[in-house]
Each structure stands twice: as C-alpha cells, then as structure tokens.
Amino acid sequence: MKNILALITVLAVALGFATACDFIDNISELIKEPALIGVSMPNQTTARWMKDGETMEEILVGRGYEVDLRYAGDSIPAQIRQIEEMLDNGAKVLVIAAIDGAALSDVLDKAAEDGAFIIAYDRLIMGTTAVSYYATFDNVKVGELQATSLVSAMKATKDRRQYSIELFAGSPDDSNAPFLFSGAMSVLQPLIDSGEVRVFSGQTALEDVRTPRWDIATAEARMDAILAEFYRDGKPLDGVLAPNDNIARGVIAAFHTFGFHPGADNWPIVTGQDAEAASIKLIITGEQHSTILKDTRDLARVAADMVEAVLEGREPVINDATTYDNNVKVVPTYLLVPYTVHADNYKQLIIDSGYMTEDDIE
C-alpha cells in the first residue's frame, strides 16, 4: 500500500493535478477491499443448513465478496453474538436464517441504524423494521404439497372409506411453521370436517402439534406416546403429516419401535421436507413416502442477487409484497417454487438436476 501511495504521489507531480485526481480515483477502485457479507445459519447438525451456508458462501465469493459464514449451534445467544461480531468486523449486509424469528430485533435494529442491510433467509425475522428483504420458498404451498401427497398416497394404497392420520408441525420459534401448517390444513381440514379423515389423538391445533427445534428425538417421543395411547387396540394409522425430514425420521423410528414393518400393508404414509439425503434413502426403501425439494442453490442465488442489488443501490427483484407481515412491516419477498419428491421422480429432481449425486444417497 505504501508503494502504491508513493507511486500516486510521483504521478501527481508528473501528470498535473486534474489528471492525477482521475488516476487516483481509478486506483482507489482497484485497491478497494471487497464488501464483507455476514451469513448466519442456525446449525451444522441439519444437512440443509450446511448446504445452504456452503452454497451461499460459494456464490458470494464467486461474485467478489468477502464472506463471514457462521453456524450458531441452535443457540439464540450464540447467533446474536455472532451477528454482533460480524458487524464489528464491518459487515455491510447480513443474510440471516434466524433460529428464533422474534429474538433478533434489538441487535438488528442497531445494525440498521449503523447502515447495514438485513436479508432474512428462508425464515421471516419478526418484530423489526430493520429487515430489508426476505428470500424464501412458498411455504404455504409447501404445506399444501405435503398434505396433497399424504392424501393421494393413502387413497392409492389403503382400501378404506375413512383414513386416520396424525399431525406434526414445526418449531414454535420458527416463523415458517405456521405457514406450512396452514397450507397443509387448507387441504386436510375439509376432510377432517367431513369425516373422511380422522385424528384419533384429537391433536389438530397448531399449539398441540409443534415440535421444538424440529428435533428428531422430540418427534420420536411424541409419536411413541400417540401410538401407545391411541393405537394399541388395533386402530389403523394410515399416515402422518411430518413437516420436515428430521421429524419424519423421528416418526419412522417410532414406527419401528411400535412393531410396524416397512412394506407391510399397515405401514403409514409419511411426508417430509428439505430432500435430505437420509430421507431420500428412506423414500427409496419405502419407509418415507415423500419430501419437498427446496433447491438451496436457487435460494442462495436469489439471496446473493439481493445482496448485490442493495450494495449497488438498486431495488432487488421481488414477487410478493403483501404476504409476509412481521408484525411491524410487510417485508418485500421473493418466493421460490417447491417440488414434491417421491420414489417415481427422485432421480429426475435430485440426481439428474445435480442437487445430489448417487454417492450421496448410497
């Protein structure tokens, strides 16, 4: 840097003031440090968040930005501390998948006051005007797809006039969970009301079926309890609405404990979300019926486009300006399209698209 400044001084004398100023402006552009982008993900234990973080970093670095990627270990204090450290290090934009959508308002309000832009990544950040934009999938549509897959599979494989199901929902602190559940219930509630579908546990309200932290062990324990209390007398269980693959795998583990056998006529239909490799394997073996592909490559690209736009003083492209109210403002949003994955199309959607390789699901 000292050598560059010395060279500029010499040229300023040799070229004259006006020409030197133009030269200095050009040199400043060349030696300007790349903008620092903070990327905050909830944890490294869920495969999709690992994939999201790595893809986000790869795209942003490829566009010339410096990236500070952190995983918070599902700890809200850790996520707040990491965000504060990113800001102290000079982050110009924060891309955040919040652990708790309502827990970040104070630190983000301060960030916005200091001039940082905040982009909510796949989970809406609640209770603050600081969030600038939101990149996500159509989570109401995800719920609709899950419920439609559940109902159609039960009708195709179970010879009954009435079907019995149990319901699971996502974490109480995840702002996506109500959207997913409302989408699913828009399909299921009319069938429950008509008597075509029954929930023997009676647990149909969102507050009764939530799964804190989307935890696999919590889901397994609740499914165990439901099976023990409501299905010991031979009542059939035809299907389970599982809102993500972690919960689906917990539910399936409970089935094995209860004595269900994959491939048997009484094996229940189970949905999921995130198209994780472990659940694609279960779809291939027939233990899980379906999952929802939310292609993180597309989501990371949209978020990176938002980063680029705000740093260049442009308005990012959005396609929803009405749905996502965080209780303080309606956050401008870009919604991506989700896809249902099952045994008949996983090769096309997962392997042929390059989302995973065959080795990933061996």
Protein backbone atom coordinates (compact mmCIF):
# COMPACT_ATOMS: atom_id res chain seq x y z
CA MET A 1 0.00 0.00 0.00
CA LYS A 2 2.88 2.40 0.83
CA ASN A 3 4.44 1.71 -2.57
CA ILE A 4 1.13 2.43 -4.31
CA LEU A 5 0.75 5.74 -2.45
CA ALA A 6 4.31 6.71 -3.33
CA LEU A 7 3.63 5.94 -6.98
CA ILE A 8 0.46 8.08 -6.90
CA THR A 9 2.43 10.99 -5.41
CA VAL A 10 5.06 10.79 -8.15
CA LEU A 11 2.40 10.63 -10.88
CA ALA A 12 0.52 13.55 -9.35
CA VAL A 13 3.58 15.70 -9.82
CA ALA A 14 4.33 14.35 -13.29
CA LEU A 15 0.83 14.43 -14.72
CA GLY A 16 -0.64 17.52 -13.18
CA PHE A 17 -3.42 17.83 -10.61
CA ALA A 18 -6.55 17.09 -12.71
CA THR A 19 -5.10 14.05 -14.47
CA ALA A 20 -3.68 12.76 -11.19
CA CYS A 21 -7.07 13.02 -9.48
CA ASP A 22 -8.65 10.89 -12.20
CA PHE A 23 -5.84 8.41 -11.84
CA ILE A 24 -6.24 8.32 -8.05
CA ASP A 25 -9.97 7.63 -8.42
CA ASN A 26 -9.26 4.71 -10.73
CA ILE A 27 -6.56 3.30 -8.43
CA SER A 28 -8.90 3.61 -5.43
CA GLU A 29 -11.44 1.43 -7.21
CA LEU A 30 -8.78 -1.16 -7.92
CA ILE A 31 -7.44 -1.37 -4.37
CA LYS A 32 -10.81 -1.06 -2.57
CA GLU A 33 -11.43 -4.02 -0.29
CA PRO A 34 -14.40 -6.25 -1.19
CA ALA A 35 -17.56 -5.75 0.87
CA LEU A 36 -17.93 -8.11 3.81
CA ILE A 37 -21.15 -10.12 3.89
CA GLY A 38 -22.21 -11.85 7.10
CA VAL A 39 -24.07 -15.15 6.64
CA SER A 40 -25.70 -16.58 9.76
CA MET A 41 -27.14 -20.12 9.73
CA PRO A 42 -28.91 -21.90 12.63
CA ASN A 43 -26.81 -25.04 13.00
CA GLN A 44 -24.48 -27.58 11.41
CA THR A 45 -26.48 -30.62 12.52
CA THR A 46 -29.22 -30.25 9.89
CA ALA A 47 -27.96 -31.18 6.44
CA ARG A 48 -29.90 -28.47 4.64
CA TRP A 49 -28.40 -25.62 6.70
CA MET A 50 -24.92 -26.92 5.99
CA LYS A 51 -25.75 -26.99 2.29
CA ASP A 52 -27.35 -23.53 2.43
CA GLY A 53 -24.35 -21.97 4.13
CA GLU A 54 -21.78 -23.56 1.84
CA THR A 55 -23.73 -22.63 -1.29
CA MET A 56 -24.29 -19.06 -0.10
CA GLU A 57 -20.58 -18.65 0.59
CA GLU A 58 -19.55 -20.14 -2.75
CA ILE A 59 -21.85 -17.83 -4.74
CA LEU A 60 -20.90 -14.66 -2.88
CA VAL A 61 -17.16 -15.36 -3.01
CA GLY A 62 -17.55 -16.08 -6.72
CA ARG A 63 -19.05 -12.60 -7.12
CA GLY A 64 -16.11 -10.96 -5.42
CA TYR A 65 -17.37 -10.52 -1.87
CA GLU A 66 -15.71 -11.48 1.38
CA VAL A 67 -17.93 -13.79 3.45
CA ASP A 68 -18.13 -14.37 7.19
CA LEU A 69 -20.13 -17.62 7.48
CA ARG A 70 -21.22 -18.69 10.96
CA TYR A 71 -23.34 -21.51 12.37
CA ALA A 72 -24.98 -20.79 15.74
CA GLY A 73 -25.47 -24.31 17.10
CA ASP A 74 -29.20 -23.65 17.62
CA SER A 75 -28.24 -21.18 20.37
CA ILE A 76 -30.01 -17.82 20.23
CA PRO A 77 -27.35 -16.06 22.36
CA ALA A 78 -24.66 -17.51 20.07
CA GLN A 79 -26.44 -16.23 16.96
CA ILE A 80 -26.79 -12.76 18.47
CA ARG A 81 -23.12 -12.74 19.49
CA GLN A 82 -22.01 -13.89 16.04
CA ILE A 83 -24.09 -11.18 14.35
CA GLU A 84 -22.54 -8.57 16.64
CA GLU A 85 -19.08 -9.84 15.72
CA MET A 86 -19.89 -9.69 12.01
CA LEU A 87 -20.98 -6.07 12.42
CA ASP A 88 -17.87 -5.23 14.45
CA ASN A 89 -15.81 -6.69 11.60
CA GLY A 90 -17.51 -4.33 9.15
CA ALA A 91 -20.23 -6.45 7.53
CA LYS A 92 -22.24 -4.35 5.08
CA VAL A 93 -25.04 -6.89 4.59
CA LEU A 94 -26.31 -9.67 6.86
CA VAL A 95 -28.03 -12.74 5.43
CA ILE A 96 -29.74 -14.46 8.36
CA ALA A 97 -31.63 -17.72 8.79
CA ALA A 98 -32.93 -17.00 12.28
CA ILE A 99 -33.12 -19.65 14.99
CA ASP A 100 -35.91 -17.67 16.63
CA GLY A 101 -37.58 -15.23 14.29
CA ALA A 102 -38.57 -12.95 17.18
CA ALA A 103 -35.28 -12.86 19.11
CA LEU A 104 -33.10 -10.68 16.90
CA SER A 105 -34.94 -7.37 16.81
CA ASP A 106 -32.61 -5.46 19.17
CA VAL A 107 -29.32 -6.43 17.50
CA LEU A 108 -30.78 -5.90 14.02
CA ASP A 109 -32.28 -2.52 14.89
CA LYS A 110 -28.78 -1.43 15.94
CA ALA A 111 -27.31 -2.90 12.75
CA ALA A 112 -29.74 -0.97 10.56
CA GLU A 113 -29.00 2.25 12.45
CA ASP A 114 -25.34 1.71 11.61
CA GLY A 115 -26.16 1.31 7.92
CA ALA A 116 -26.18 -2.47 7.45
CA PHE A 117 -28.77 -4.17 5.26
CA ILE A 118 -30.55 -7.26 6.59
CA ILE A 119 -31.89 -10.04 4.37
CA ALA A 120 -34.00 -12.74 6.01
CA TYR A 121 -33.09 -16.14 4.59
CA ASP A 122 -35.89 -18.73 4.43
CA ARG A 123 -37.21 -17.74 7.89
CA LEU A 124 -39.01 -14.45 8.37
CA ILE A 125 -37.44 -12.20 11.01
CA MET A 126 -40.18 -10.80 13.20
CA GLY A 127 -40.81 -7.58 15.09
CA THR A 128 -38.32 -5.23 13.44
CA THR A 129 -38.31 -2.69 10.63
CA ALA A 130 -34.61 -3.45 10.13
CA VAL A 131 -35.19 -6.45 7.85
CA SER A 132 -34.96 -5.17 4.29
CA TYR A 133 -35.92 -8.18 2.20
CA TYR A 134 -36.90 -11.83 2.53
CA ALA A 135 -35.83 -14.74 0.30
CA THR A 136 -37.76 -17.97 0.79
CA PHE A 137 -39.90 -20.65 -0.76
CA ASP A 138 -43.67 -20.51 -0.91
CA ASN A 139 -44.18 -22.16 2.48
CA VAL A 140 -47.97 -22.20 2.25
CA LYS A 141 -47.52 -24.11 -1.00
CA VAL A 142 -45.07 -26.48 0.74
CA GLY A 143 -47.76 -27.37 3.27
CA GLU A 144 -50.34 -27.86 0.52
CA LEU A 145 -47.96 -30.18 -1.34
CA GLN A 146 -47.26 -32.22 1.80
CA ALA A 147 -50.95 -32.71 2.59
CA THR A 148 -51.84 -33.48 -1.03
CA SER A 149 -49.06 -36.08 -1.19
CA LEU A 150 -50.27 -37.64 2.07
CA VAL A 151 -53.90 -37.88 0.99
CA SER A 152 -53.23 -39.13 -2.52
CA ALA A 153 -50.83 -41.82 -1.27
CA MET A 154 -53.30 -43.03 1.36
CA LYS A 155 -56.05 -43.27 -1.23
CA ALA A 156 -53.76 -45.14 -3.61
CA THR A 157 -52.50 -47.69 -1.07
CA LYS A 158 -55.16 -48.02 1.65
CA ASP A 159 -58.52 -49.60 0.82
CA ARG A 160 -60.68 -47.64 3.26
CA ARG A 161 -63.65 -45.33 3.36
CA GLN A 162 -62.05 -43.38 6.21
CA TYR A 163 -58.39 -42.62 6.81
CA SER A 164 -56.64 -41.98 10.11
CA ILE A 165 -53.73 -39.56 10.39
CA GLU A 166 -51.67 -37.74 12.99
CA LEU A 167 -50.28 -34.24 12.63
CA PHE A 168 -46.91 -32.69 13.38
CA ALA A 169 -45.83 -29.07 12.95
CA GLY A 170 -42.53 -27.21 13.12
CA SER A 171 -40.82 -25.36 15.91
CA PRO A 172 -42.68 -22.69 17.92
CA ASP A 173 -39.86 -20.19 17.29
CA ASP A 174 -39.75 -20.74 13.52
CA SER A 175 -41.88 -18.21 11.64
CA ASN A 176 -42.24 -20.66 8.75
CA ALA A 177 -44.07 -23.27 10.84
CA PRO A 178 -47.50 -21.56 10.84
CA PHE A 179 -47.35 -21.01 7.07
CA LEU A 180 -46.52 -24.67 6.49
CA PHE A 181 -49.26 -25.86 8.82
CA SER A 182 -51.90 -23.52 7.40
CA GLY A 183 -51.09 -24.72 3.89
CA ALA A 184 -51.42 -28.35 4.95
CA MET A 185 -54.63 -27.78 6.88
CA SER A 186 -56.22 -26.00 3.93
CA VAL A 187 -56.18 -29.47 2.34
CA LEU A 188 -56.76 -31.62 5.43
CA GLN A 189 -59.30 -29.65 7.48
CA PRO A 190 -62.18 -30.09 5.00
CA LEU A 191 -61.52 -33.85 5.00
CA ILE A 192 -61.44 -33.90 8.81
CA ASP A 193 -64.67 -31.90 8.96
CA SER A 194 -66.38 -34.28 6.55
CA GLY A 195 -65.24 -37.36 8.48
CA GLU A 196 -63.21 -38.76 5.60
CA VAL A 197 -60.06 -38.26 7.66
CA ARG A 198 -59.84 -38.88 11.43
CA VAL A 199 -57.22 -37.86 14.01
CA PHE A 200 -57.67 -40.32 16.87
CA SER A 201 -55.44 -38.34 19.24
CA GLY A 202 -57.60 -35.27 18.75
CA GLN A 203 -54.44 -33.18 18.43
CA THR A 204 -55.18 -30.91 15.49
CA ALA A 205 -54.41 -27.39 16.76
CA LEU A 206 -51.06 -25.87 15.86
CA GLU A 207 -50.10 -25.30 19.50
CA ASP A 208 -50.68 -29.01 20.24
CA VAL A 209 -48.57 -30.43 17.41
CA ARG A 210 -45.48 -28.22 17.33
CA THR A 211 -42.01 -29.79 17.54
CA PRO A 212 -39.46 -27.57 19.31
CA ARG A 213 -36.30 -27.05 17.24
CA TRP A 214 -37.67 -29.54 14.69
CA ASP A 215 -35.94 -32.11 16.88
CA ILE A 216 -35.89 -35.72 15.74
CA ALA A 217 -35.87 -37.18 19.29
CA THR A 218 -38.78 -34.95 20.33
CA ALA A 219 -40.78 -36.09 17.31
CA GLU A 220 -40.00 -39.74 18.03
CA ALA A 221 -41.06 -39.39 21.68
CA ARG A 222 -44.36 -37.73 20.76
CA MET A 223 -45.11 -40.36 18.11
CA ASP A 224 -44.29 -43.10 20.62
CA ALA A 225 -46.75 -41.60 23.09
CA ILE A 226 -49.51 -41.24 20.50
CA LEU A 227 -49.08 -44.82 19.29
CA ALA A 228 -49.10 -46.18 22.85
CA GLU A 229 -52.21 -44.27 23.88
CA PHE A 230 -54.39 -44.33 20.77
CA TYR A 231 -53.31 -47.25 18.55
CA ARG A 232 -52.72 -50.16 20.94
CA ASP A 233 -56.23 -51.53 20.33
CA GLY A 234 -55.64 -52.20 16.65
CA LYS A 235 -56.81 -48.87 15.24
CA PRO A 236 -55.08 -48.32 11.89
CA LEU A 237 -52.76 -45.37 11.42
CA ASP A 238 -52.72 -44.56 7.72
CA GLY A 239 -50.48 -41.54 7.58
CA VAL A 240 -48.53 -38.81 9.36
CA LEU A 241 -48.11 -35.21 8.29
CA ALA A 242 -44.42 -34.63 9.07
CA PRO A 243 -43.38 -31.09 8.11
CA ASN A 244 -39.69 -31.81 7.58
CA ASP A 245 -37.32 -34.73 7.13
CA ASN A 246 -35.95 -34.62 10.69
CA ILE A 247 -39.43 -35.04 12.11
CA ALA A 248 -40.22 -37.70 9.50
CA ARG A 249 -37.22 -39.75 10.58
CA GLY A 250 -38.26 -39.44 14.23
CA VAL A 251 -41.76 -40.63 13.36
CA ILE A 252 -40.37 -43.55 11.36
CA ALA A 253 -38.11 -44.56 14.25
CA ALA A 254 -41.22 -44.73 16.46
CA PHE A 255 -42.94 -46.96 13.89
CA HIS A 256 -40.10 -49.46 14.12
CA THR A 257 -40.27 -49.45 17.91
CA PHE A 258 -44.05 -49.98 17.79
CA GLY A 259 -43.64 -53.01 15.53
CA PHE A 260 -44.65 -51.68 12.12
CA HIS A 261 -42.74 -53.25 9.24
CA PRO A 262 -41.76 -51.35 6.08
CA GLY A 263 -43.56 -52.75 3.07
CA ALA A 264 -46.41 -54.19 5.10
CA ASP A 265 -49.96 -53.08 4.36
CA ASN A 266 -50.19 -51.27 7.69
CA TRP A 267 -47.05 -49.15 7.18
CA PRO A 268 -48.21 -45.48 7.39
CA ILE A 269 -47.59 -42.84 4.75
CA VAL A 270 -45.10 -40.19 5.95
CA THR A 271 -44.34 -36.83 4.36
CA GLY A 272 -41.29 -34.58 4.85
CA GLN A 273 -39.41 -31.52 3.64
CA ASP A 274 -35.86 -30.50 2.64
CA ALA A 275 -34.94 -33.51 0.47
CA GLU A 276 -32.13 -34.57 2.81
CA ALA A 277 -30.01 -37.50 1.70
CA ALA A 278 -31.03 -39.62 4.69
CA SER A 279 -34.70 -39.21 3.79
CA ILE A 280 -34.14 -39.81 0.07
CA LYS A 281 -32.73 -43.18 1.14
CA LEU A 282 -35.91 -43.83 3.14
CA ILE A 283 -38.03 -42.89 0.14
CA ILE A 284 -36.12 -45.42 -1.94
CA THR A 285 -36.72 -48.13 0.69
CA GLY A 286 -40.38 -47.16 1.02
CA GLU A 287 -40.21 -46.05 4.65
CA GLN A 288 -40.86 -42.38 3.87
CA HIS A 289 -43.33 -41.61 1.11
CA SER A 290 -42.31 -38.11 0.05
CA THR A 291 -40.33 -34.99 0.83
CA ILE A 292 -40.31 -31.46 -0.53
CA LEU A 293 -37.36 -30.20 -2.53
CA LYS A 294 -36.46 -26.61 -1.77
CA ASP A 295 -33.45 -26.19 -4.05
CA THR A 296 -31.00 -24.27 -1.88
CA ARG A 297 -28.92 -23.39 -4.93
CA ASP A 298 -31.79 -21.28 -6.22
CA LEU A 299 -32.47 -19.75 -2.81
CA ALA A 300 -28.81 -18.84 -2.32
CA ARG A 301 -28.71 -17.27 -5.79
CA VAL A 302 -31.77 -15.13 -5.06
CA ALA A 303 -30.31 -14.02 -1.72
CA ALA A 304 -26.99 -13.21 -3.42
CA ASP A 305 -28.87 -11.17 -6.03
CA MET A 306 -30.48 -9.23 -3.19
CA VAL A 307 -27.07 -8.60 -1.61
CA GLU A 308 -25.69 -7.33 -4.90
CA ALA A 309 -28.68 -5.08 -5.53
CA VAL A 310 -28.66 -3.33 -2.15
CA LEU A 311 -24.90 -2.74 -2.31
CA GLU A 312 -25.31 -1.20 -5.76
CA GLY A 313 -28.22 0.95 -4.67
CA ARG A 314 -30.80 -0.97 -6.70
CA GLU A 315 -34.15 -2.47 -5.68
CA PRO A 316 -33.93 -6.28 -5.61
CA VAL A 317 -36.40 -8.28 -7.65
CA ILE A 318 -39.38 -9.40 -5.53
CA ASN A 319 -42.59 -11.24 -6.40
CA ASP A 320 -44.61 -10.87 -3.18
CA ALA A 321 -45.28 -7.54 -1.46
CA THR A 322 -48.31 -8.49 0.61
CA THR A 323 -48.00 -11.86 2.41
CA TYR A 324 -45.11 -11.70 4.87
CA ASP A 325 -46.03 -9.35 7.69
CA ASN A 326 -43.53 -9.49 10.56
CA ASN A 327 -45.88 -7.63 12.91
CA VAL A 328 -44.12 -4.34 12.20
CA LYS A 329 -43.97 -4.20 8.40
CA VAL A 330 -44.75 -6.24 5.33
CA VAL A 331 -41.36 -7.47 4.17
CA PRO A 332 -40.73 -7.44 0.39
CA THR A 333 -40.20 -11.07 -0.55
CA TYR A 334 -39.05 -13.33 -3.35
CA LEU A 335 -40.82 -16.69 -3.29
CA LEU A 336 -39.32 -19.74 -4.99
CA VAL A 337 -41.19 -22.84 -6.17
CA PRO A 338 -41.03 -26.09 -4.11
CA TYR A 339 -41.40 -29.58 -5.60
CA THR A 340 -42.73 -32.87 -4.23
CA VAL A 341 -40.19 -35.70 -4.37
CA HIS A 342 -41.18 -39.37 -4.22
CA ALA A 343 -39.87 -42.71 -5.44
CA ASP A 344 -41.01 -42.15 -9.02
CA ASN A 345 -39.28 -38.81 -9.57
CA TYR A 346 -36.35 -38.53 -7.15
CA LYS A 347 -33.80 -39.40 -9.85
CA GLN A 348 -35.03 -36.61 -12.09
CA LEU A 349 -35.39 -33.95 -9.38
CA ILE A 350 -32.47 -34.88 -7.12
CA ILE A 351 -29.84 -36.72 -9.16
CA ASP A 352 -30.30 -35.53 -12.75
CA SER A 353 -30.59 -31.91 -11.58
CA GLY A 354 -27.23 -32.17 -9.82
CA TYR A 355 -28.69 -31.42 -6.41
CA MET A 356 -27.11 -34.65 -5.14
CA THR A 357 -25.06 -37.46 -6.57
CA GLU A 358 -25.72 -41.17 -6.43
CA ASP A 359 -22.89 -41.43 -3.90
CA ASP A 360 -24.75 -39.04 -1.57
CA ILE A 361 -27.64 -41.46 -1.21
CA GLU A 362 -25.81 -44.78 -1.19
